[in-house]
Amino acid sequence: MITHALFILQNELEEHLKVYDPAGYTSPQRVVTGNMAEGLKGSNGNGTIEAEKLAITIVNIKEEKALKNQPHYVRNDMTLKASYENPPVFLNFLLLLSATHSDYDNATLYLSRAIRFFQYKNVFTQDSVLPGSLMLQKAMTTLDQLASFKLIIDLYSPSLEEVNHLWGTLGGKQFPFVLYMMRMLDLKYKAIGQETGLITEVVSEFYHKKGGNGHG
C-alpha cells in the first residue's frame, strides 16, 4: 500500500510536468522513487537514483495518534452483521523531494514546478486521480492496492539543524529539495476476523407465567 501511495504521487506529478513541454512529452520519465541514501547512479554503478530526475524518498513514518482510538467493529446495515477487526493504522509520511539535475538552474526549475503542482493539488482520492495512477505496479498484488484512500500533502519546513541532520544521515551530499508531509494513509489488511449478528429489536415487555396453584 505504501508503494501504491508513492506511485500515485509519482504518476500525478509526472503527468503534470507534461504541460511544460509544448512540443510534446517525448523525454524519459522525470519523476522517480528511491532511497537518496544510496546515491546517484554513476560509472561505478553503486547508486540507484538516476540523475536529472525529481526523486521521492520516504525519510520518516509516524503514526497519527489522534486517530488511534477507533472502534474494533464495523457495522453492516445491509447484511445486519458486525465484523470484529483491529482498526486501521493511520500514518504520516515525511517525503523528501530532491532534484538530482546536474544543472542547478534545471534543478530549481523542476523543483518549483513540483511545488506549484502540490500547491494546486494537495488532496488525492480514488475519484480525483488519473486512471493510470490506480494501476498495479511491480511486485504488487490486489491486496497491496489502495482501493479507497485520501492522501493529503502538506509542505513541511525544517529548521537548519533538521536539514543538517537529514542530509548527514543520507550521506552528506545535499541536493535542491523540498519536504512534504503525506497524511494519512490508513493501512488495513482486507480480512474479516469474526462476524456476529446485529441486535435489531429489544423486547421490553415481560409477563410472569401463572403457577400451578392459580396465583400469579
N, C-alpha and C. Protein backbone atom coordinates (compact mmCIF):
# COMPACT_ATOMS: atom_id res chain seq x y z
N MET A 1 0.81 -1.20 0.00
CA MET A 1 0.00 0.00 0.00
C MET A 1 0.86 1.26 0.00
N ILE A 2 1.98 1.22 0.71
CA ILE A 2 2.88 2.36 0.69
C ILE A 2 3.44 2.56 -0.72
N THR A 3 3.79 1.46 -1.36
CA THR A 3 4.30 1.52 -2.73
C THR A 3 3.28 2.16 -3.65
N HIS A 4 2.02 1.78 -3.49
CA HIS A 4 0.98 2.34 -4.35
C HIS A 4 0.77 3.82 -4.08
N ALA A 5 0.82 4.23 -2.82
CA ALA A 5 0.67 5.64 -2.47
C ALA A 5 1.77 6.48 -3.13
N LEU A 6 3.01 5.98 -3.08
CA LEU A 6 4.12 6.70 -3.70
C LEU A 6 3.95 6.76 -5.21
N PHE A 7 3.47 5.66 -5.80
CA PHE A 7 3.28 5.65 -7.25
C PHE A 7 2.21 6.65 -7.67
N ILE A 8 1.16 6.79 -6.85
CA ILE A 8 0.10 7.76 -7.16
C ILE A 8 0.69 9.15 -7.26
N LEU A 9 1.50 9.55 -6.27
CA LEU A 9 2.12 10.87 -6.30
C LEU A 9 3.08 11.00 -7.47
N GLN A 10 3.86 9.95 -7.70
CA GLN A 10 4.82 9.97 -8.80
C GLN A 10 4.12 10.16 -10.13
N ASN A 11 3.07 9.40 -10.37
CA ASN A 11 2.37 9.46 -11.65
C ASN A 11 1.63 10.78 -11.84
N GLU A 12 1.01 11.28 -10.76
CA GLU A 12 0.28 12.54 -10.86
C GLU A 12 1.23 13.70 -11.17
N LEU A 13 2.39 13.72 -10.51
CA LEU A 13 3.37 14.77 -10.77
C LEU A 13 3.96 14.62 -12.17
N GLU A 14 4.22 13.39 -12.57
CA GLU A 14 4.76 13.13 -13.91
C GLU A 14 3.82 13.67 -14.99
N GLU A 15 2.53 13.39 -14.84
CA GLU A 15 1.56 13.85 -15.82
C GLU A 15 1.46 15.38 -15.83
N HIS A 16 1.59 15.99 -14.66
CA HIS A 16 1.52 17.45 -14.58
C HIS A 16 2.68 18.10 -15.32
N LEU A 17 3.87 17.51 -15.26
CA LEU A 17 5.05 18.10 -15.89
C LEU A 17 4.93 18.15 -17.41
N LYS A 18 4.01 17.38 -17.95
CA LYS A 18 3.82 17.38 -19.41
C LYS A 18 3.32 18.73 -19.93
N VAL A 19 2.65 19.50 -19.09
CA VAL A 19 2.10 20.79 -19.54
C VAL A 19 3.22 21.79 -19.83
N TYR A 20 4.43 21.53 -19.32
CA TYR A 20 5.55 22.44 -19.54
C TYR A 20 6.32 22.12 -20.81
N ASP A 21 5.87 21.16 -21.57
CA ASP A 21 6.55 20.74 -22.80
C ASP A 21 5.60 20.92 -23.98
N PRO A 22 5.49 22.12 -24.53
CA PRO A 22 4.53 22.37 -25.62
C PRO A 22 4.82 21.58 -26.88
N ALA A 23 6.07 21.15 -27.04
CA ALA A 23 6.43 20.41 -28.26
C ALA A 23 6.06 18.94 -28.17
N GLY A 24 5.55 18.51 -27.02
CA GLY A 24 5.24 17.09 -26.86
C GLY A 24 6.15 16.46 -25.82
N TYR A 25 5.56 15.61 -25.01
CA TYR A 25 6.31 15.00 -23.90
C TYR A 25 6.99 13.74 -24.40
N THR A 26 8.21 13.92 -24.92
CA THR A 26 8.92 12.79 -25.51
C THR A 26 10.14 12.37 -24.70
N SER A 27 10.46 13.12 -23.66
CA SER A 27 11.66 12.80 -22.87
C SER A 27 11.38 11.63 -21.93
N PRO A 28 12.42 11.02 -21.38
CA PRO A 28 12.23 9.91 -20.44
C PRO A 28 11.50 10.35 -19.18
N GLN A 29 11.16 9.39 -18.34
CA GLN A 29 10.47 9.66 -17.09
C GLN A 29 11.24 10.69 -16.26
N ARG A 30 10.49 11.64 -15.69
CA ARG A 30 11.15 12.73 -14.96
C ARG A 30 10.99 12.62 -13.44
N VAL A 31 10.09 11.76 -12.97
CA VAL A 31 9.87 11.60 -11.54
C VAL A 31 10.10 10.13 -11.17
N VAL A 32 10.92 9.88 -10.16
CA VAL A 32 11.22 8.52 -9.74
C VAL A 32 11.07 8.41 -8.22
N THR A 33 11.01 7.19 -7.73
CA THR A 33 11.03 6.93 -6.29
C THR A 33 12.29 6.12 -5.98
N GLY A 34 12.86 6.36 -4.82
CA GLY A 34 14.06 5.62 -4.44
C GLY A 34 14.68 6.19 -3.19
N ASN A 35 15.71 5.53 -2.72
CA ASN A 35 16.40 5.91 -1.49
C ASN A 35 17.60 6.80 -1.81
N MET A 36 17.50 8.09 -1.45
CA MET A 36 18.58 9.02 -1.75
C MET A 36 19.87 8.66 -1.00
N ALA A 37 19.76 7.89 0.07
CA ALA A 37 20.95 7.48 0.82
C ALA A 37 21.86 6.59 -0.01
N GLU A 38 21.31 5.96 -1.05
CA GLU A 38 22.12 5.07 -1.88
C GLU A 38 22.87 5.82 -2.97
N GLY A 39 22.57 7.10 -3.12
CA GLY A 39 23.32 7.93 -4.06
C GLY A 39 22.85 7.79 -5.50
N LEU A 40 23.51 8.56 -6.37
CA LEU A 40 23.16 8.57 -7.79
C LEU A 40 23.87 7.45 -8.54
N LYS A 41 23.24 7.04 -9.61
CA LYS A 41 23.89 6.08 -10.50
C LYS A 41 25.08 6.77 -11.16
N GLY A 42 26.19 6.05 -11.24
CA GLY A 42 27.38 6.62 -11.86
C GLY A 42 28.10 5.57 -12.67
N SER A 43 29.32 5.88 -13.02
CA SER A 43 30.11 4.94 -13.82
C SER A 43 30.42 3.67 -13.04
N ASN A 44 30.47 3.77 -11.69
CA ASN A 44 30.75 2.58 -10.89
C ASN A 44 29.48 1.77 -10.63
N GLY A 45 28.30 2.36 -10.91
CA GLY A 45 27.05 1.62 -10.78
C GLY A 45 26.60 1.37 -9.37
N ASN A 46 27.17 2.07 -8.39
CA ASN A 46 26.83 1.80 -7.00
C ASN A 46 25.49 2.42 -6.59
N GLY A 47 25.16 3.58 -7.13
CA GLY A 47 23.93 4.27 -6.76
C GLY A 47 22.70 3.68 -7.43
N THR A 48 21.52 4.11 -6.98
CA THR A 48 20.27 3.61 -7.54
C THR A 48 19.39 4.72 -8.11
N ILE A 49 19.65 5.98 -7.73
CA ILE A 49 18.85 7.10 -8.19
C ILE A 49 19.47 7.69 -9.46
N GLU A 50 18.64 7.87 -10.48
CA GLU A 50 19.12 8.46 -11.72
C GLU A 50 19.30 9.96 -11.58
N ALA A 51 20.26 10.50 -12.31
CA ALA A 51 20.44 11.94 -12.37
C ALA A 51 19.39 12.56 -13.28
N GLU A 52 19.24 13.88 -13.18
CA GLU A 52 18.28 14.64 -13.99
C GLU A 52 16.83 14.26 -13.69
N LYS A 53 16.55 13.91 -12.43
CA LYS A 53 15.21 13.49 -12.05
C LYS A 53 14.73 14.26 -10.81
N LEU A 54 13.43 14.18 -10.57
CA LEU A 54 12.86 14.52 -9.27
C LEU A 54 12.66 13.19 -8.54
N ALA A 55 13.34 13.04 -7.42
CA ALA A 55 13.33 11.76 -6.69
C ALA A 55 12.52 11.90 -5.40
N ILE A 56 11.59 10.96 -5.18
CA ILE A 56 10.77 10.94 -3.97
C ILE A 56 11.31 9.86 -3.03
N THR A 57 11.61 10.26 -1.78
CA THR A 57 12.15 9.34 -0.78
C THR A 57 11.40 9.50 0.52
N ILE A 58 11.01 8.38 1.14
CA ILE A 58 10.43 8.42 2.48
C ILE A 58 11.56 8.56 3.49
N VAL A 59 11.51 9.60 4.33
CA VAL A 59 12.57 9.79 5.32
C VAL A 59 12.07 9.59 6.75
N ASN A 60 10.75 9.50 6.93
CA ASN A 60 10.23 9.23 8.27
C ASN A 60 8.77 8.79 8.16
N ILE A 61 8.36 7.92 9.09
CA ILE A 61 6.98 7.45 9.17
C ILE A 61 6.52 7.58 10.62
N LYS A 62 5.38 8.23 10.83
CA LYS A 62 4.85 8.40 12.18
C LYS A 62 3.37 8.01 12.20
N GLU A 63 2.96 7.40 13.31
CA GLU A 63 1.55 7.07 13.47
C GLU A 63 0.78 8.32 13.88
N GLU A 64 -0.44 8.46 13.35
CA GLU A 64 -1.32 9.56 13.72
C GLU A 64 -2.04 9.18 15.01
N LYS A 65 -1.55 9.70 16.14
CA LYS A 65 -2.08 9.32 17.44
C LYS A 65 -3.52 9.76 17.65
N ALA A 66 -3.91 10.88 17.02
CA ALA A 66 -5.25 11.41 17.25
C ALA A 66 -6.34 10.47 16.75
N LEU A 67 -6.00 9.59 15.80
CA LEU A 67 -6.99 8.67 15.25
C LEU A 67 -6.76 7.23 15.72
N LYS A 68 -6.02 7.08 16.80
CA LYS A 68 -5.66 5.73 17.24
C LYS A 68 -6.84 4.99 17.87
N ASN A 69 -7.70 5.70 18.60
CA ASN A 69 -8.80 5.06 19.33
C ASN A 69 -10.02 4.90 18.43
N GLN A 70 -9.98 3.92 17.58
CA GLN A 70 -11.08 3.60 16.68
C GLN A 70 -11.80 2.35 17.17
N PRO A 71 -13.11 2.20 16.86
CA PRO A 71 -13.83 1.00 17.29
C PRO A 71 -13.28 -0.27 16.66
N HIS A 72 -13.44 -1.38 17.35
CA HIS A 72 -12.94 -2.67 16.87
C HIS A 72 -14.00 -3.46 16.11
N TYR A 73 -15.05 -2.80 15.67
CA TYR A 73 -16.06 -3.49 14.89
C TYR A 73 -16.55 -2.57 13.78
N VAL A 74 -17.05 -3.19 12.72
CA VAL A 74 -17.62 -2.45 11.59
C VAL A 74 -19.04 -2.95 11.38
N ARG A 75 -20.00 -2.05 11.42
CA ARG A 75 -21.40 -2.40 11.28
C ARG A 75 -21.80 -2.38 9.81
N ASN A 76 -22.49 -3.43 9.37
CA ASN A 76 -23.01 -3.53 8.01
C ASN A 76 -24.53 -3.62 8.08
N ASP A 77 -25.21 -2.53 7.76
CA ASP A 77 -26.66 -2.48 7.86
C ASP A 77 -27.35 -3.27 6.75
N MET A 78 -26.62 -3.61 5.69
CA MET A 78 -27.22 -4.39 4.60
C MET A 78 -27.35 -5.86 4.99
N THR A 79 -26.30 -6.39 5.60
CA THR A 79 -26.32 -7.81 5.99
C THR A 79 -26.74 -8.01 7.44
N LEU A 80 -26.92 -6.89 8.17
CA LEU A 80 -27.27 -6.94 9.59
C LEU A 80 -26.24 -7.74 10.39
N LYS A 81 -24.97 -7.51 10.05
CA LYS A 81 -23.88 -8.18 10.76
C LYS A 81 -22.84 -7.15 11.15
N ALA A 82 -22.09 -7.48 12.17
CA ALA A 82 -20.96 -6.65 12.59
C ALA A 82 -19.70 -7.50 12.53
N SER A 83 -18.67 -6.98 11.88
CA SER A 83 -17.39 -7.70 11.79
C SER A 83 -16.41 -7.09 12.79
N TYR A 84 -15.73 -7.95 13.53
CA TYR A 84 -14.78 -7.52 14.55
C TYR A 84 -13.36 -7.64 14.00
N GLU A 85 -12.65 -6.53 14.02
CA GLU A 85 -11.30 -6.49 13.47
C GLU A 85 -10.53 -5.33 14.09
N ASN A 86 -9.22 -5.41 14.04
CA ASN A 86 -8.40 -4.32 14.55
C ASN A 86 -8.58 -3.09 13.67
N PRO A 87 -8.62 -1.89 14.26
CA PRO A 87 -8.78 -0.67 13.45
C PRO A 87 -7.56 -0.44 12.58
N PRO A 88 -7.71 0.30 11.48
CA PRO A 88 -6.57 0.57 10.59
C PRO A 88 -5.52 1.42 11.28
N VAL A 89 -4.31 1.39 10.74
CA VAL A 89 -3.21 2.21 11.23
C VAL A 89 -3.13 3.46 10.36
N PHE A 90 -3.27 4.62 10.98
CA PHE A 90 -3.19 5.88 10.25
C PHE A 90 -1.76 6.41 10.36
N LEU A 91 -1.14 6.65 9.21
CA LEU A 91 0.27 7.03 9.18
C LEU A 91 0.49 8.36 8.49
N ASN A 92 1.52 9.06 8.95
CA ASN A 92 2.01 10.27 8.29
C ASN A 92 3.42 10.00 7.77
N PHE A 93 3.65 10.34 6.52
CA PHE A 93 4.94 10.09 5.90
C PHE A 93 5.64 11.42 5.61
N LEU A 94 6.89 11.54 6.03
CA LEU A 94 7.69 12.70 5.65
C LEU A 94 8.42 12.34 4.36
N LEU A 95 8.10 13.05 3.30
CA LEU A 95 8.63 12.76 1.97
C LEU A 95 9.65 13.81 1.56
N LEU A 96 10.78 13.33 1.08
CA LEU A 96 11.83 14.19 0.55
C LEU A 96 11.74 14.19 -0.97
N LEU A 97 11.60 15.38 -1.54
CA LEU A 97 11.57 15.52 -3.00
C LEU A 97 12.85 16.23 -3.42
N SER A 98 13.75 15.49 -4.06
CA SER A 98 15.08 16.01 -4.41
C SER A 98 15.20 16.18 -5.92
N ALA A 99 15.85 17.27 -6.33
CA ALA A 99 16.13 17.50 -7.75
C ALA A 99 17.58 17.10 -8.00
N THR A 100 17.78 16.02 -8.75
CA THR A 100 19.12 15.47 -8.95
C THR A 100 19.79 15.97 -10.23
N HIS A 101 19.31 17.07 -10.76
CA HIS A 101 19.84 17.59 -12.02
C HIS A 101 21.25 18.14 -11.83
N SER A 102 22.11 17.90 -12.80
CA SER A 102 23.48 18.40 -12.74
C SER A 102 23.54 19.91 -12.92
N ASP A 103 22.60 20.45 -13.69
CA ASP A 103 22.50 21.89 -13.87
C ASP A 103 21.62 22.47 -12.77
N TYR A 104 22.17 23.40 -12.00
CA TYR A 104 21.45 23.93 -10.84
C TYR A 104 20.16 24.65 -11.25
N ASP A 105 20.20 25.36 -12.38
CA ASP A 105 19.01 26.06 -12.85
C ASP A 105 17.89 25.07 -13.19
N ASN A 106 18.24 23.96 -13.81
CA ASN A 106 17.24 22.94 -14.11
C ASN A 106 16.68 22.33 -12.83
N ALA A 107 17.54 22.16 -11.85
CA ALA A 107 17.10 21.58 -10.58
C ALA A 107 16.06 22.48 -9.91
N THR A 108 16.37 23.76 -9.81
CA THR A 108 15.43 24.68 -9.18
C THR A 108 14.17 24.88 -10.03
N LEU A 109 14.31 24.76 -11.34
CA LEU A 109 13.16 24.89 -12.23
C LEU A 109 12.16 23.77 -11.99
N TYR A 110 12.66 22.52 -11.98
CA TYR A 110 11.76 21.39 -11.78
C TYR A 110 11.22 21.33 -10.35
N LEU A 111 12.03 21.78 -9.41
CA LEU A 111 11.57 21.81 -8.02
C LEU A 111 10.43 22.82 -7.87
N SER A 112 10.54 23.96 -8.51
CA SER A 112 9.48 24.97 -8.42
C SER A 112 8.20 24.48 -9.10
N ARG A 113 8.34 23.73 -10.18
CA ARG A 113 7.17 23.17 -10.85
C ARG A 113 6.46 22.16 -9.96
N ALA A 114 7.24 21.37 -9.24
CA ALA A 114 6.64 20.39 -8.32
C ALA A 114 5.93 21.09 -7.16
N ILE A 115 6.55 22.15 -6.63
CA ILE A 115 5.94 22.89 -5.52
C ILE A 115 4.62 23.51 -5.96
N ARG A 116 4.60 24.07 -7.17
CA ARG A 116 3.38 24.67 -7.70
C ARG A 116 2.29 23.63 -7.89
N PHE A 117 2.69 22.43 -8.30
CA PHE A 117 1.69 21.37 -8.50
C PHE A 117 1.03 20.98 -7.19
N PHE A 118 1.83 20.76 -6.14
CA PHE A 118 1.26 20.35 -4.86
C PHE A 118 0.55 21.50 -4.16
N GLN A 119 0.86 22.74 -4.56
CA GLN A 119 0.07 23.87 -4.07
C GLN A 119 -1.31 23.85 -4.72
N TYR A 120 -1.33 23.52 -6.01
CA TYR A 120 -2.59 23.48 -6.76
C TYR A 120 -3.43 22.26 -6.38
N LYS A 121 -2.77 21.14 -6.17
CA LYS A 121 -3.50 19.90 -5.86
C LYS A 121 -2.79 19.19 -4.71
N ASN A 122 -3.37 19.27 -3.52
CA ASN A 122 -2.71 18.65 -2.36
C ASN A 122 -3.55 17.56 -1.72
N VAL A 123 -4.70 17.22 -2.31
CA VAL A 123 -5.53 16.12 -1.82
C VAL A 123 -5.76 15.14 -2.97
N PHE A 124 -5.47 13.87 -2.72
CA PHE A 124 -5.61 12.84 -3.75
C PHE A 124 -6.54 11.74 -3.22
N THR A 125 -7.60 11.46 -3.97
CA THR A 125 -8.51 10.37 -3.63
C THR A 125 -8.68 9.48 -4.86
N GLN A 126 -9.35 8.35 -4.68
CA GLN A 126 -9.56 7.44 -5.81
C GLN A 126 -10.42 8.07 -6.90
N ASP A 127 -11.17 9.13 -6.56
CA ASP A 127 -12.03 9.79 -7.54
C ASP A 127 -11.36 10.98 -8.21
N SER A 128 -10.23 11.44 -7.67
CA SER A 128 -9.61 12.66 -8.22
C SER A 128 -8.30 12.39 -8.97
N VAL A 129 -7.79 11.17 -8.91
CA VAL A 129 -6.52 10.88 -9.60
C VAL A 129 -6.79 10.29 -10.98
N LEU A 130 -5.78 10.28 -11.80
CA LEU A 130 -5.88 9.73 -13.15
C LEU A 130 -6.01 8.21 -13.10
N PRO A 131 -6.68 7.60 -14.07
CA PRO A 131 -6.83 6.13 -14.08
C PRO A 131 -5.49 5.40 -14.02
N GLY A 132 -4.48 5.96 -14.67
CA GLY A 132 -3.17 5.32 -14.66
C GLY A 132 -2.53 5.26 -13.29
N SER A 133 -2.95 6.17 -12.39
CA SER A 133 -2.39 6.18 -11.04
C SER A 133 -2.91 5.04 -10.18
N LEU A 134 -3.99 4.40 -10.61
CA LEU A 134 -4.60 3.33 -9.83
C LEU A 134 -4.12 1.95 -10.28
N MET A 135 -3.27 1.89 -11.26
CA MET A 135 -2.81 0.61 -11.79
C MET A 135 -1.84 -0.06 -10.82
N LEU A 136 -1.85 -1.41 -10.82
CA LEU A 136 -0.91 -2.17 -10.02
C LEU A 136 0.50 -2.02 -10.58
N GLN A 137 1.48 -1.93 -9.69
CA GLN A 137 2.86 -1.77 -10.10
C GLN A 137 3.65 -3.05 -9.81
N LYS A 138 4.94 -3.01 -10.08
CA LYS A 138 5.80 -4.17 -9.92
C LYS A 138 5.73 -4.71 -8.50
N ALA A 139 5.68 -6.01 -8.39
CA ALA A 139 5.66 -6.73 -7.11
C ALA A 139 4.41 -6.47 -6.29
N MET A 140 3.40 -5.80 -6.88
CA MET A 140 2.18 -5.52 -6.14
C MET A 140 1.10 -6.54 -6.48
N THR A 141 0.25 -6.85 -5.51
CA THR A 141 -0.94 -7.65 -5.73
C THR A 141 -2.15 -6.79 -5.43
N THR A 142 -3.33 -7.32 -5.64
CA THR A 142 -4.54 -6.55 -5.35
C THR A 142 -4.65 -6.20 -3.87
N LEU A 143 -4.03 -7.02 -3.00
CA LEU A 143 -4.04 -6.72 -1.57
C LEU A 143 -3.16 -5.52 -1.23
N ASP A 144 -2.21 -5.21 -2.10
CA ASP A 144 -1.33 -4.05 -1.89
C ASP A 144 -1.92 -2.77 -2.44
N GLN A 145 -2.99 -2.88 -3.22
CA GLN A 145 -3.56 -1.71 -3.90
C GLN A 145 -4.45 -0.91 -2.95
N LEU A 146 -4.40 0.41 -3.10
CA LEU A 146 -5.28 1.30 -2.36
C LEU A 146 -6.59 1.43 -3.13
N ALA A 147 -7.66 0.84 -2.59
CA ALA A 147 -8.96 0.92 -3.26
C ALA A 147 -9.67 2.20 -2.87
N SER A 148 -9.64 2.53 -1.61
CA SER A 148 -10.26 3.76 -1.10
C SER A 148 -9.22 4.49 -0.26
N PHE A 149 -8.94 5.75 -0.60
CA PHE A 149 -7.87 6.45 0.09
C PHE A 149 -8.08 7.96 0.01
N LYS A 150 -7.40 8.64 0.90
CA LYS A 150 -7.33 10.11 0.87
C LYS A 150 -5.94 10.50 1.33
N LEU A 151 -5.13 10.95 0.40
CA LEU A 151 -3.77 11.38 0.69
C LEU A 151 -3.72 12.89 0.70
N ILE A 152 -3.28 13.47 1.80
CA ILE A 152 -3.20 14.92 1.95
C ILE A 152 -1.73 15.32 2.02
N ILE A 153 -1.32 16.24 1.15
CA ILE A 153 0.08 16.63 1.05
C ILE A 153 0.25 18.04 1.61
N ASP A 154 1.07 18.15 2.66
CA ASP A 154 1.34 19.45 3.29
C ASP A 154 2.83 19.75 3.21
N LEU A 155 3.14 21.01 2.90
CA LEU A 155 4.53 21.44 2.87
C LEU A 155 5.10 21.43 4.29
N TYR A 156 6.31 20.90 4.42
CA TYR A 156 6.97 20.83 5.72
C TYR A 156 8.23 21.68 5.68
N SER A 157 8.37 22.58 6.65
CA SER A 157 9.51 23.50 6.67
C SER A 157 10.45 23.12 7.81
N PRO A 158 11.56 22.46 7.50
CA PRO A 158 12.51 22.06 8.55
C PRO A 158 13.41 23.22 8.97
N SER A 159 13.96 23.11 10.16
CA SER A 159 14.96 24.08 10.61
C SER A 159 16.31 23.74 9.96
N LEU A 160 17.28 24.65 10.06
CA LEU A 160 18.61 24.37 9.51
C LEU A 160 19.25 23.17 10.20
N GLU A 161 18.97 23.02 11.49
CA GLU A 161 19.50 21.88 12.22
C GLU A 161 18.91 20.57 11.69
N GLU A 162 17.62 20.57 11.42
CA GLU A 162 16.98 19.38 10.87
C GLU A 162 17.50 19.06 9.48
N VAL A 163 17.73 20.09 8.67
CA VAL A 163 18.29 19.89 7.33
C VAL A 163 19.68 19.27 7.42
N ASN A 164 20.49 19.81 8.33
CA ASN A 164 21.84 19.27 8.55
C ASN A 164 21.79 17.79 8.91
N HIS A 165 20.92 17.46 9.85
CA HIS A 165 20.80 16.09 10.32
C HIS A 165 20.29 15.17 9.21
N LEU A 166 19.30 15.66 8.45
CA LEU A 166 18.72 14.85 7.37
C LEU A 166 19.75 14.47 6.33
N TRP A 167 20.46 15.46 5.79
CA TRP A 167 21.41 15.15 4.72
C TRP A 167 22.67 14.47 5.26
N GLY A 168 22.98 14.69 6.53
CA GLY A 168 24.07 13.93 7.13
C GLY A 168 23.73 12.46 7.20
N THR A 169 22.47 12.16 7.52
CA THR A 169 22.01 10.77 7.58
C THR A 169 21.99 10.14 6.19
N LEU A 170 21.66 10.95 5.18
CA LEU A 170 21.55 10.43 3.82
C LEU A 170 22.90 10.34 3.11
N GLY A 171 23.94 10.81 3.73
CA GLY A 171 25.25 10.67 3.11
C GLY A 171 26.02 11.95 2.96
N GLY A 172 25.37 13.08 3.25
CA GLY A 172 26.13 14.33 3.28
C GLY A 172 25.99 15.21 2.06
N LYS A 173 25.76 14.65 0.86
CA LYS A 173 25.67 15.47 -0.34
C LYS A 173 24.25 15.99 -0.49
N GLN A 174 24.09 17.30 -0.40
CA GLN A 174 22.76 17.90 -0.43
C GLN A 174 22.39 18.33 -1.83
N PHE A 175 21.15 18.02 -2.22
CA PHE A 175 20.59 18.45 -3.49
C PHE A 175 19.50 19.49 -3.22
N PRO A 176 19.14 20.30 -4.19
CA PRO A 176 17.96 21.15 -4.03
C PRO A 176 16.75 20.26 -3.69
N PHE A 177 16.01 20.64 -2.67
CA PHE A 177 14.98 19.73 -2.18
C PHE A 177 13.83 20.49 -1.54
N VAL A 178 12.76 19.76 -1.29
CA VAL A 178 11.64 20.24 -0.51
C VAL A 178 11.06 19.05 0.24
N LEU A 179 10.51 19.30 1.43
CA LEU A 179 9.93 18.24 2.24
C LEU A 179 8.41 18.41 2.30
N TYR A 180 7.72 17.26 2.23
CA TYR A 180 6.27 17.25 2.35
C TYR A 180 5.85 16.20 3.37
N MET A 181 4.76 16.50 4.09
CA MET A 181 4.14 15.52 4.97
C MET A 181 2.93 14.95 4.23
N MET A 182 2.93 13.64 4.03
CA MET A 182 1.79 12.98 3.40
C MET A 182 0.91 12.37 4.50
N ARG A 183 -0.31 12.86 4.64
CA ARG A 183 -1.26 12.38 5.61
C ARG A 183 -2.46 11.87 4.84
N MET A 184 -3.15 10.99 5.34
CA MET A 184 -2.92 9.96 6.32
C MET A 184 -3.29 8.67 5.62
N LEU A 185 -2.35 7.88 5.40
CA LEU A 185 -2.55 6.59 4.74
C LEU A 185 -2.99 5.58 5.79
N ASP A 186 -4.20 5.04 5.64
CA ASP A 186 -4.68 4.05 6.61
C ASP A 186 -4.41 2.65 6.07
N LEU A 187 -3.57 1.95 6.79
CA LEU A 187 -3.19 0.60 6.39
C LEU A 187 -4.06 -0.41 7.11
N LYS A 188 -4.66 -1.29 6.32
CA LYS A 188 -5.58 -2.27 6.88
C LYS A 188 -5.58 -3.50 5.99
N TYR A 189 -5.45 -4.66 6.59
CA TYR A 189 -5.48 -5.90 5.83
C TYR A 189 -6.93 -6.29 5.54
N LYS A 190 -7.19 -6.66 4.30
CA LYS A 190 -8.57 -6.96 3.89
C LYS A 190 -8.96 -8.37 4.32
N ALA A 191 -9.25 -8.54 5.58
CA ALA A 191 -9.68 -9.84 6.09
C ALA A 191 -10.61 -9.61 7.27
N ILE A 192 -11.65 -10.42 7.37
CA ILE A 192 -12.61 -10.31 8.45
C ILE A 192 -12.32 -11.38 9.48
N GLY A 193 -12.08 -10.96 10.72
CA GLY A 193 -11.74 -11.92 11.77
C GLY A 193 -12.94 -12.68 12.29
N GLN A 194 -14.01 -11.98 12.59
CA GLN A 194 -15.18 -12.62 13.19
C GLN A 194 -16.41 -11.80 12.88
N GLU A 195 -17.53 -12.47 12.61
CA GLU A 195 -18.79 -11.78 12.34
C GLU A 195 -19.84 -12.24 13.32
N THR A 196 -20.74 -11.33 13.65
CA THR A 196 -21.86 -11.67 14.51
C THR A 196 -23.06 -10.86 14.07
N GLY A 197 -24.27 -11.33 14.41
CA GLY A 197 -25.48 -10.63 14.02
C GLY A 197 -25.69 -9.39 14.86
N LEU A 198 -26.36 -8.40 14.28
CA LEU A 198 -26.67 -7.17 14.99
C LEU A 198 -27.96 -7.33 15.77
N ILE A 199 -28.08 -6.65 16.89
CA ILE A 199 -29.33 -6.61 17.65
C ILE A 199 -30.24 -5.60 16.98
N THR A 200 -31.34 -6.06 16.43
CA THR A 200 -32.24 -5.18 15.69
C THR A 200 -33.50 -4.83 16.46
N GLU A 201 -33.81 -5.56 17.54
CA GLU A 201 -35.04 -5.28 18.30
C GLU A 201 -34.83 -5.66 19.75
N VAL A 202 -35.32 -4.84 20.64
CA VAL A 202 -35.25 -5.10 22.07
C VAL A 202 -36.67 -5.20 22.61
N VAL A 203 -37.03 -6.34 23.18
CA VAL A 203 -38.37 -6.56 23.74
C VAL A 203 -38.34 -6.15 25.21
N SER A 204 -39.20 -5.21 25.58
CA SER A 204 -39.18 -4.68 26.94
C SER A 204 -40.40 -5.11 27.76
N GLU A 205 -41.32 -5.88 27.18
CA GLU A 205 -42.50 -6.32 27.91
C GLU A 205 -42.32 -7.77 28.34
N PHE A 206 -42.44 -8.01 29.64
CA PHE A 206 -42.27 -9.36 30.17
C PHE A 206 -43.50 -9.70 31.00
N TYR A 207 -43.92 -10.97 30.98
CA TYR A 207 -45.08 -11.42 31.73
C TYR A 207 -44.67 -12.61 32.59
N HIS A 208 -45.21 -12.67 33.82
CA HIS A 208 -44.97 -13.80 34.69
C HIS A 208 -45.97 -14.90 34.35
N LYS A 209 -45.46 -16.09 34.21
CA LYS A 209 -46.33 -17.22 33.95
C LYS A 209 -47.00 -17.66 35.25
N LYS A 210 -48.29 -17.91 35.20
CA LYS A 210 -49.04 -18.30 36.39
C LYS A 210 -48.59 -19.67 36.85
N GLY A 211 -48.49 -19.81 38.19
CA GLY A 211 -48.11 -21.09 38.74
C GLY A 211 -49.27 -22.08 38.79
N GLY A 212 -48.98 -23.30 39.20
CA GLY A 212 -49.99 -24.35 39.24
C GLY A 212 -51.05 -24.12 40.30
N ASN A 213 -50.79 -23.29 41.35
CA ASN A 213 -51.76 -23.06 42.40
C ASN A 213 -52.71 -21.92 42.08
N GLY A 214 -52.61 -21.37 40.85
CA GLY A 214 -53.55 -20.36 40.46
C GLY A 214 -53.12 -18.97 40.84
N HIS A 215 -52.00 -18.81 41.57
CA HIS A 215 -51.52 -17.48 41.95
C HIS A 215 -50.50 -17.00 40.91
N GLY A 216 -50.52 -15.67 40.65
CA GLY A 216 -49.59 -15.10 39.69
C GLY A 216 -48.19 -15.01 40.23
